[in-house]
Amino acid sequence: MTGARSLLLSVFAAIGLQLPAPASAQATRYEEPIRYRQAVMTLVKRHYDQVSGMVKGKLPFNREELNRHAAYLEMLSRVSLDGFVAGSHEGNTKARPEIWKEWARYRGLNEKFQAETTRLKEIARAGSPDAVKAVVADLTKVCKSCHDDFKDSSVGS
């Protein structure tokens, strides 16, 4: 009887895995990607603010620190799309649904973000502070264009 009961439970479990999840379960499946992208963007802001502060003279220009922050920005740019799972515009997020409606455009902006952070990483190694400042200005434009079109500033965090 134990074998039959075990088989029956396995069948019911397999059927249960095949059924669509209720709406409340659907909403929670997006919590992790939302938290992931918010964490990535928080780190991007932290490292960007340090680099920006150096080129604006608000923080001392320190080549070693600049290189470290530039390296982090470059790495974060490469993982930033991972949190943008289709459907994850619902929930506690500033991501607008237009991201997924205009995915090719959004992805293109992300590729520009990657290119600019790679350029920053390269220039930070040996470039003059003015050269770094120019790259940061270009990076800022890329970030702003994406935020203007795809970030809802009226929503919570």
N, C-alpha and C. Protein backbone atom coordinates (compact mmCIF):
# COMPACT_ATOMS: atom_id res chain seq x y z
N MET A 1 0.82 -1.19 0.00
CA MET A 1 0.00 0.00 0.00
C MET A 1 0.86 1.25 0.00
N THR A 2 2.00 1.20 0.63
CA THR A 2 2.88 2.36 0.68
C THR A 2 3.36 2.72 -0.71
N GLY A 3 3.70 1.74 -1.54
CA GLY A 3 4.16 1.99 -2.90
C GLY A 3 3.06 2.65 -3.73
N ALA A 4 1.82 2.18 -3.61
CA ALA A 4 0.71 2.76 -4.35
C ALA A 4 0.44 4.19 -3.88
N ARG A 5 0.51 4.42 -2.60
CA ARG A 5 0.30 5.76 -2.05
C ARG A 5 1.40 6.70 -2.56
N SER A 6 2.62 6.23 -2.58
CA SER A 6 3.75 7.03 -3.05
C SER A 6 3.59 7.38 -4.53
N LEU A 7 3.15 6.37 -5.32
CA LEU A 7 2.93 6.61 -6.75
C LEU A 7 1.82 7.61 -6.95
N LEU A 8 0.74 7.47 -6.20
CA LEU A 8 -0.39 8.39 -6.30
C LEU A 8 0.03 9.83 -5.95
N LEU A 9 0.81 9.98 -4.88
CA LEU A 9 1.29 11.30 -4.51
C LEU A 9 2.20 11.89 -5.59
N SER A 10 3.02 11.06 -6.21
CA SER A 10 3.90 11.52 -7.29
C SER A 10 3.10 11.99 -8.49
N VAL A 11 2.02 11.27 -8.82
CA VAL A 11 1.17 11.65 -9.95
C VAL A 11 0.49 12.98 -9.65
N PHE A 12 -0.08 13.11 -8.44
CA PHE A 12 -0.74 14.37 -8.08
C PHE A 12 0.27 15.53 -8.07
N ALA A 13 1.48 15.27 -7.60
CA ALA A 13 2.50 16.32 -7.58
C ALA A 13 2.86 16.73 -9.01
N ALA A 14 2.99 15.76 -9.90
CA ALA A 14 3.32 16.07 -11.29
C ALA A 14 2.20 16.87 -11.95
N ILE A 15 0.97 16.50 -11.67
CA ILE A 15 -0.17 17.22 -12.23
C ILE A 15 -0.19 18.64 -11.66
N GLY A 16 0.05 18.77 -10.38
CA GLY A 16 0.06 20.08 -9.74
C GLY A 16 1.13 20.99 -10.33
N LEU A 17 2.26 20.43 -10.70
CA LEU A 17 3.31 21.24 -11.30
C LEU A 17 2.94 21.72 -12.70
N GLN A 18 2.01 21.01 -13.36
CA GLN A 18 1.61 21.36 -14.71
C GLN A 18 0.49 22.40 -14.75
N LEU A 19 -0.22 22.56 -13.64
CA LEU A 19 -1.34 23.50 -13.61
C LEU A 19 -0.83 24.93 -13.53
N PRO A 20 -1.57 25.87 -14.12
CA PRO A 20 -1.15 27.27 -14.00
C PRO A 20 -1.26 27.74 -12.55
N ALA A 21 -0.34 28.58 -12.16
CA ALA A 21 -0.34 29.09 -10.79
C ALA A 21 -1.42 30.16 -10.65
N PRO A 22 -1.98 30.29 -9.47
CA PRO A 22 -2.96 31.36 -9.25
C PRO A 22 -2.30 32.72 -9.41
N ALA A 23 -3.10 33.74 -9.61
CA ALA A 23 -2.59 35.09 -9.86
C ALA A 23 -1.65 35.56 -8.74
N SER A 24 -1.97 35.25 -7.49
CA SER A 24 -1.12 35.70 -6.39
C SER A 24 0.26 35.06 -6.46
N ALA A 25 0.34 33.82 -6.89
CA ALA A 25 1.63 33.16 -7.05
C ALA A 25 2.38 33.76 -8.23
N GLN A 26 1.65 34.16 -9.28
CA GLN A 26 2.28 34.79 -10.44
C GLN A 26 2.98 36.08 -10.02
N ALA A 27 2.33 36.87 -9.21
CA ALA A 27 2.89 38.15 -8.79
C ALA A 27 4.18 37.94 -8.01
N THR A 28 4.22 36.94 -7.15
CA THR A 28 5.39 36.74 -6.32
C THR A 28 6.57 36.19 -7.12
N ARG A 29 6.35 35.59 -8.25
CA ARG A 29 7.47 35.06 -9.03
C ARG A 29 8.32 36.18 -9.63
N TYR A 30 7.79 37.40 -9.62
CA TYR A 30 8.55 38.54 -10.14
C TYR A 30 9.31 39.29 -9.05
N GLU A 31 9.08 38.92 -7.80
CA GLU A 31 9.74 39.64 -6.71
C GLU A 31 11.26 39.49 -6.78
N GLU A 32 11.74 38.30 -7.06
CA GLU A 32 13.19 38.08 -7.09
C GLU A 32 13.85 38.86 -8.21
N PRO A 33 13.36 38.82 -9.46
CA PRO A 33 14.01 39.63 -10.49
C PRO A 33 13.93 41.13 -10.20
N ILE A 34 12.85 41.57 -9.58
CA ILE A 34 12.73 42.99 -9.23
C ILE A 34 13.78 43.34 -8.19
N ARG A 35 13.91 42.52 -7.16
CA ARG A 35 14.93 42.78 -6.12
C ARG A 35 16.33 42.73 -6.73
N TYR A 36 16.56 41.80 -7.64
CA TYR A 36 17.87 41.68 -8.29
C TYR A 36 18.22 42.96 -9.04
N ARG A 37 17.31 43.42 -9.89
CA ARG A 37 17.64 44.61 -10.68
C ARG A 37 17.74 45.85 -9.81
N GLN A 38 16.94 45.93 -8.74
CA GLN A 38 17.06 47.07 -7.83
C GLN A 38 18.42 47.05 -7.13
N ALA A 39 18.89 45.86 -6.77
CA ALA A 39 20.21 45.74 -6.15
C ALA A 39 21.30 46.16 -7.13
N VAL A 40 21.20 45.70 -8.37
CA VAL A 40 22.19 46.07 -9.38
C VAL A 40 22.19 47.58 -9.57
N MET A 41 21.02 48.16 -9.72
CA MET A 41 20.93 49.60 -9.97
C MET A 41 21.40 50.41 -8.76
N THR A 42 21.18 49.91 -7.55
CA THR A 42 21.69 50.57 -6.35
C THR A 42 23.22 50.59 -6.38
N LEU A 43 23.81 49.46 -6.77
CA LEU A 43 25.27 49.39 -6.86
C LEU A 43 25.79 50.27 -8.00
N VAL A 44 25.10 50.30 -9.12
CA VAL A 44 25.49 51.18 -10.22
C VAL A 44 25.51 52.62 -9.73
N LYS A 45 24.46 53.03 -9.05
CA LYS A 45 24.39 54.41 -8.55
C LYS A 45 25.54 54.69 -7.59
N ARG A 46 25.82 53.79 -6.71
CA ARG A 46 26.91 53.97 -5.73
C ARG A 46 28.24 54.19 -6.44
N HIS A 47 28.58 53.33 -7.39
CA HIS A 47 29.87 53.44 -8.06
C HIS A 47 29.90 54.62 -9.02
N TYR A 48 28.80 54.88 -9.70
CA TYR A 48 28.71 56.04 -10.58
C TYR A 48 28.90 57.33 -9.77
N ASP A 49 28.25 57.43 -8.63
CA ASP A 49 28.35 58.63 -7.80
C ASP A 49 29.80 58.88 -7.36
N GLN A 50 30.54 57.81 -7.07
CA GLN A 50 31.94 57.97 -6.68
C GLN A 50 32.78 58.50 -7.85
N VAL A 51 32.58 57.92 -9.03
CA VAL A 51 33.32 58.35 -10.22
C VAL A 51 32.93 59.79 -10.57
N SER A 52 31.65 60.06 -10.58
CA SER A 52 31.15 61.40 -10.90
C SER A 52 31.68 62.42 -9.90
N GLY A 53 31.69 62.07 -8.64
CA GLY A 53 32.21 62.97 -7.61
C GLY A 53 33.67 63.31 -7.83
N MET A 54 34.44 62.33 -8.28
CA MET A 54 35.86 62.58 -8.56
C MET A 54 36.04 63.54 -9.74
N VAL A 55 35.30 63.32 -10.82
CA VAL A 55 35.50 64.17 -12.00
C VAL A 55 34.91 65.56 -11.80
N LYS A 56 33.98 65.70 -10.88
CA LYS A 56 33.41 67.03 -10.59
C LYS A 56 34.18 67.76 -9.50
N GLY A 57 35.17 67.10 -8.92
CA GLY A 57 35.96 67.73 -7.86
C GLY A 57 35.32 67.68 -6.50
N LYS A 58 34.21 66.95 -6.36
CA LYS A 58 33.55 66.83 -5.06
C LYS A 58 34.26 65.82 -4.16
N LEU A 59 34.98 64.90 -4.80
CA LEU A 59 35.79 63.91 -4.09
C LEU A 59 37.21 64.01 -4.64
N PRO A 60 38.20 63.66 -3.83
CA PRO A 60 39.57 63.69 -4.35
C PRO A 60 39.74 62.69 -5.50
N PHE A 61 40.47 63.13 -6.54
CA PHE A 61 40.72 62.24 -7.68
C PHE A 61 41.77 61.22 -7.25
N ASN A 62 41.36 59.96 -7.20
CA ASN A 62 42.23 58.88 -6.76
C ASN A 62 42.18 57.80 -7.84
N ARG A 63 43.28 57.63 -8.56
CA ARG A 63 43.32 56.70 -9.70
C ARG A 63 42.95 55.28 -9.28
N GLU A 64 43.45 54.82 -8.15
CA GLU A 64 43.16 53.46 -7.69
C GLU A 64 41.67 53.27 -7.43
N GLU A 65 41.08 54.22 -6.73
CA GLU A 65 39.64 54.16 -6.46
C GLU A 65 38.83 54.29 -7.75
N LEU A 66 39.26 55.19 -8.62
CA LEU A 66 38.58 55.36 -9.91
C LEU A 66 38.57 54.04 -10.68
N ASN A 67 39.71 53.38 -10.75
CA ASN A 67 39.80 52.09 -11.46
C ASN A 67 38.88 51.05 -10.84
N ARG A 68 38.83 51.02 -9.53
CA ARG A 68 37.96 50.05 -8.85
C ARG A 68 36.49 50.32 -9.16
N HIS A 69 36.07 51.57 -9.06
CA HIS A 69 34.67 51.90 -9.34
C HIS A 69 34.34 51.68 -10.82
N ALA A 70 35.25 52.02 -11.71
CA ALA A 70 35.02 51.80 -13.14
C ALA A 70 34.90 50.31 -13.44
N ALA A 71 35.72 49.49 -12.81
CA ALA A 71 35.64 48.04 -13.02
C ALA A 71 34.30 47.49 -12.54
N TYR A 72 33.84 47.96 -11.39
CA TYR A 72 32.53 47.52 -10.91
C TYR A 72 31.41 47.96 -11.85
N LEU A 73 31.47 49.19 -12.33
CA LEU A 73 30.44 49.66 -13.25
C LEU A 73 30.41 48.82 -14.52
N GLU A 74 31.57 48.49 -15.03
CA GLU A 74 31.64 47.67 -16.25
C GLU A 74 31.02 46.30 -16.00
N MET A 75 31.36 45.69 -14.88
CA MET A 75 30.80 44.37 -14.55
C MET A 75 29.29 44.45 -14.34
N LEU A 76 28.84 45.46 -13.63
CA LEU A 76 27.40 45.61 -13.37
C LEU A 76 26.62 45.85 -14.66
N SER A 77 27.22 46.56 -15.60
CA SER A 77 26.54 46.80 -16.87
C SER A 77 26.27 45.49 -17.60
N ARG A 78 27.13 44.51 -17.41
CA ARG A 78 27.00 43.22 -18.10
C ARG A 78 25.93 42.32 -17.47
N VAL A 79 25.60 42.56 -16.22
CA VAL A 79 24.58 41.72 -15.55
C VAL A 79 23.26 42.45 -15.37
N SER A 80 23.20 43.71 -15.78
CA SER A 80 22.01 44.51 -15.49
C SER A 80 20.74 44.02 -16.17
N LEU A 81 20.85 43.42 -17.33
CA LEU A 81 19.65 42.92 -18.02
C LEU A 81 19.05 41.68 -17.36
N ASP A 82 19.84 40.97 -16.58
CA ASP A 82 19.37 39.71 -16.00
C ASP A 82 18.12 39.86 -15.13
N GLY A 83 17.91 41.02 -14.56
CA GLY A 83 16.75 41.23 -13.70
C GLY A 83 15.51 41.70 -14.44
N PHE A 84 15.63 41.89 -15.75
CA PHE A 84 14.48 42.39 -16.52
C PHE A 84 13.74 41.23 -17.18
N VAL A 85 13.07 40.46 -16.35
CA VAL A 85 12.28 39.31 -16.79
C VAL A 85 10.93 39.82 -17.29
N ALA A 86 10.49 39.30 -18.42
CA ALA A 86 9.19 39.71 -18.97
C ALA A 86 8.11 39.55 -17.91
N GLY A 87 7.30 40.57 -17.75
CA GLY A 87 6.22 40.56 -16.77
C GLY A 87 6.59 41.17 -15.43
N SER A 88 7.88 41.44 -15.24
CA SER A 88 8.30 41.95 -13.93
C SER A 88 8.18 43.46 -13.81
N HIS A 89 7.34 44.04 -14.64
CA HIS A 89 7.03 45.47 -14.50
C HIS A 89 5.92 45.67 -13.46
N GLU A 90 5.32 44.58 -13.03
CA GLU A 90 4.27 44.65 -12.02
C GLU A 90 4.89 44.42 -10.65
N GLY A 91 4.46 45.16 -9.69
CA GLY A 91 5.00 45.02 -8.34
C GLY A 91 5.67 46.31 -7.92
N ASN A 92 6.50 46.22 -6.91
CA ASN A 92 7.19 47.40 -6.37
C ASN A 92 8.41 47.71 -7.23
N THR A 93 8.19 48.40 -8.32
CA THR A 93 9.25 48.66 -9.28
C THR A 93 9.01 49.98 -10.00
N LYS A 94 10.10 50.57 -10.45
CA LYS A 94 10.02 51.78 -11.26
C LYS A 94 10.14 51.46 -12.75
N ALA A 95 10.32 50.20 -13.07
CA ALA A 95 10.45 49.79 -14.47
C ALA A 95 9.10 49.94 -15.17
N ARG A 96 9.10 50.69 -16.26
CA ARG A 96 7.87 50.88 -17.03
C ARG A 96 7.64 49.69 -17.96
N PRO A 97 6.39 49.37 -18.25
CA PRO A 97 6.08 48.27 -19.17
C PRO A 97 6.66 48.49 -20.57
N GLU A 98 6.98 49.73 -20.90
CA GLU A 98 7.54 50.03 -22.23
C GLU A 98 8.87 49.31 -22.45
N ILE A 99 9.57 48.95 -21.37
CA ILE A 99 10.82 48.20 -21.52
C ILE A 99 10.57 46.96 -22.37
N TRP A 100 9.53 46.23 -22.06
CA TRP A 100 9.28 44.97 -22.75
C TRP A 100 8.56 45.18 -24.08
N LYS A 101 7.83 46.28 -24.18
CA LYS A 101 7.18 46.60 -25.46
C LYS A 101 8.21 47.06 -26.48
N GLU A 102 9.26 47.70 -26.00
CA GLU A 102 10.32 48.22 -26.86
C GLU A 102 11.65 47.55 -26.50
N TRP A 103 11.62 46.24 -26.36
CA TRP A 103 12.78 45.50 -25.86
C TRP A 103 14.05 45.73 -26.70
N ALA A 104 13.93 45.74 -28.00
CA ALA A 104 15.11 45.94 -28.85
C ALA A 104 15.76 47.29 -28.56
N ARG A 105 14.95 48.31 -28.41
CA ARG A 105 15.47 49.65 -28.10
C ARG A 105 16.10 49.68 -26.71
N TYR A 106 15.43 49.05 -25.75
CA TYR A 106 15.95 49.01 -24.39
C TYR A 106 17.29 48.26 -24.36
N ARG A 107 17.32 47.13 -25.03
CA ARG A 107 18.55 46.34 -25.09
C ARG A 107 19.67 47.14 -25.76
N GLY A 108 19.33 47.91 -26.79
CA GLY A 108 20.31 48.75 -27.45
C GLY A 108 20.90 49.79 -26.51
N LEU A 109 20.05 50.39 -25.68
CA LEU A 109 20.54 51.34 -24.69
C LEU A 109 21.43 50.65 -23.66
N ASN A 110 21.07 49.43 -23.31
CA ASN A 110 21.91 48.67 -22.38
C ASN A 110 23.27 48.36 -23.01
N GLU A 111 23.29 48.08 -24.30
CA GLU A 111 24.56 47.84 -24.99
C GLU A 111 25.41 49.11 -25.01
N LYS A 112 24.78 50.27 -25.15
CA LYS A 112 25.51 51.53 -25.08
C LYS A 112 26.07 51.73 -23.67
N PHE A 113 25.27 51.38 -22.67
CA PHE A 113 25.71 51.44 -21.27
C PHE A 113 26.95 50.57 -21.08
N GLN A 114 26.91 49.36 -21.62
CA GLN A 114 28.07 48.47 -21.53
C GLN A 114 29.28 49.06 -22.23
N ALA A 115 29.07 49.61 -23.42
CA ALA A 115 30.18 50.20 -24.18
C ALA A 115 30.80 51.38 -23.43
N GLU A 116 29.97 52.23 -22.86
CA GLU A 116 30.49 53.39 -22.14
C GLU A 116 31.21 52.99 -20.86
N THR A 117 30.72 51.98 -20.15
CA THR A 117 31.42 51.56 -18.93
C THR A 117 32.73 50.86 -19.28
N THR A 118 32.76 50.15 -20.40
CA THR A 118 34.01 49.54 -20.86
C THR A 118 35.01 50.64 -21.21
N ARG A 119 34.54 51.65 -21.91
CA ARG A 119 35.38 52.79 -22.27
C ARG A 119 35.88 53.50 -21.01
N LEU A 120 35.00 53.69 -20.03
CA LEU A 120 35.40 54.31 -18.77
C LEU A 120 36.49 53.49 -18.09
N LYS A 121 36.32 52.19 -18.06
CA LYS A 121 37.31 51.32 -17.42
C LYS A 121 38.67 51.47 -18.10
N GLU A 122 38.68 51.56 -19.41
CA GLU A 122 39.93 51.70 -20.16
C GLU A 122 40.57 53.07 -19.92
N ILE A 123 39.78 54.13 -20.00
CA ILE A 123 40.30 55.49 -19.84
C ILE A 123 40.74 55.72 -18.39
N ALA A 124 40.05 55.13 -17.45
CA ALA A 124 40.37 55.32 -16.03
C ALA A 124 41.79 54.83 -15.71
N ARG A 125 42.27 53.84 -16.45
CA ARG A 125 43.60 53.28 -16.16
C ARG A 125 44.72 54.29 -16.36
N ALA A 126 44.63 55.09 -17.42
CA ALA A 126 45.76 55.96 -17.72
C ALA A 126 45.36 57.32 -18.26
N GLY A 127 44.08 57.53 -18.49
CA GLY A 127 43.65 58.79 -19.07
C GLY A 127 43.73 59.95 -18.10
N SER A 128 43.76 61.12 -18.66
CA SER A 128 43.77 62.33 -17.83
C SER A 128 42.42 62.49 -17.15
N PRO A 129 42.39 63.26 -16.07
CA PRO A 129 41.09 63.53 -15.45
C PRO A 129 40.08 64.14 -16.43
N ASP A 130 40.56 64.97 -17.37
CA ASP A 130 39.64 65.55 -18.36
C ASP A 130 39.08 64.47 -19.30
N ALA A 131 39.92 63.50 -19.67
CA ALA A 131 39.44 62.40 -20.53
C ALA A 131 38.41 61.56 -19.79
N VAL A 132 38.65 61.31 -18.52
CA VAL A 132 37.69 60.57 -17.69
C VAL A 132 36.39 61.36 -17.59
N LYS A 133 36.50 62.65 -17.41
CA LYS A 133 35.33 63.51 -17.29
C LYS A 133 34.47 63.43 -18.56
N ALA A 134 35.11 63.41 -19.72
CA ALA A 134 34.38 63.32 -20.99
C ALA A 134 33.62 62.00 -21.11
N VAL A 135 34.27 60.91 -20.68
CA VAL A 135 33.61 59.59 -20.74
C VAL A 135 32.44 59.56 -19.77
N VAL A 136 32.61 60.13 -18.59
CA VAL A 136 31.52 60.16 -17.60
C VAL A 136 30.35 60.97 -18.15
N ALA A 137 30.64 62.05 -18.86
CA ALA A 137 29.57 62.84 -19.47
C ALA A 137 28.79 62.00 -20.48
N ASP A 138 29.49 61.22 -21.29
CA ASP A 138 28.82 60.34 -22.26
C ASP A 138 28.01 59.26 -21.56
N LEU A 139 28.58 58.69 -20.51
CA LEU A 139 27.88 57.66 -19.74
C LEU A 139 26.61 58.24 -19.11
N THR A 140 26.71 59.45 -18.61
CA THR A 140 25.56 60.11 -18.00
C THR A 140 24.43 60.28 -19.02
N LYS A 141 24.77 60.65 -20.23
CA LYS A 141 23.76 60.81 -21.29
C LYS A 141 23.05 59.50 -21.58
N VAL A 142 23.79 58.40 -21.62
CA VAL A 142 23.19 57.09 -21.87
C VAL A 142 22.24 56.73 -20.72
N CYS A 143 22.70 56.92 -19.50
CA CYS A 143 21.85 56.60 -18.35
C CYS A 143 20.58 57.45 -18.35
N LYS A 144 20.74 58.73 -18.62
CA LYS A 144 19.60 59.64 -18.62
C LYS A 144 18.59 59.26 -19.69
N SER A 145 19.05 58.91 -20.89
CA SER A 145 18.11 58.57 -21.96
C SER A 145 17.29 57.34 -21.59
N CYS A 146 17.92 56.40 -20.94
CA CYS A 146 17.19 55.19 -20.52
C CYS A 146 16.21 55.53 -19.40
N HIS A 147 16.67 56.28 -18.41
CA HIS A 147 15.80 56.64 -17.29
C HIS A 147 14.62 57.50 -17.75
N ASP A 148 14.87 58.43 -18.67
CA ASP A 148 13.79 59.28 -19.16
C ASP A 148 12.68 58.47 -19.82
N ASP A 149 13.05 57.45 -20.55
CA ASP A 149 12.07 56.68 -21.32
C ASP A 149 11.52 55.44 -20.62
N PHE A 150 12.29 54.89 -19.69
CA PHE A 150 11.91 53.58 -19.16
C PHE A 150 11.81 53.48 -17.64
N LYS A 151 12.02 54.57 -16.93
CA LYS A 151 11.94 54.55 -15.47
C LYS A 151 10.82 55.45 -15.01
N ASP A 152 9.96 54.93 -14.16
CA ASP A 152 8.85 55.69 -13.60
C ASP A 152 9.30 56.30 -12.28
N SER A 153 9.59 57.58 -12.29
CA SER A 153 10.08 58.26 -11.10
C SER A 153 9.00 58.55 -10.07
N SER A 154 7.74 58.34 -10.44
CA SER A 154 6.65 58.63 -9.52
C SER A 154 6.34 57.46 -8.59
N VAL A 155 6.99 56.31 -8.81
CA VAL A 155 6.74 55.11 -8.02
C VAL A 155 7.75 55.03 -6.88
N GLY A 156 7.39 54.33 -5.81
CA GLY A 156 8.25 54.13 -4.63
C GLY A 156 9.68 53.83 -4.97
N SER A 157 10.26 52.79 -4.42
CA SER A 157 11.69 52.53 -4.61
C SER A 157 12.03 51.88 -5.87
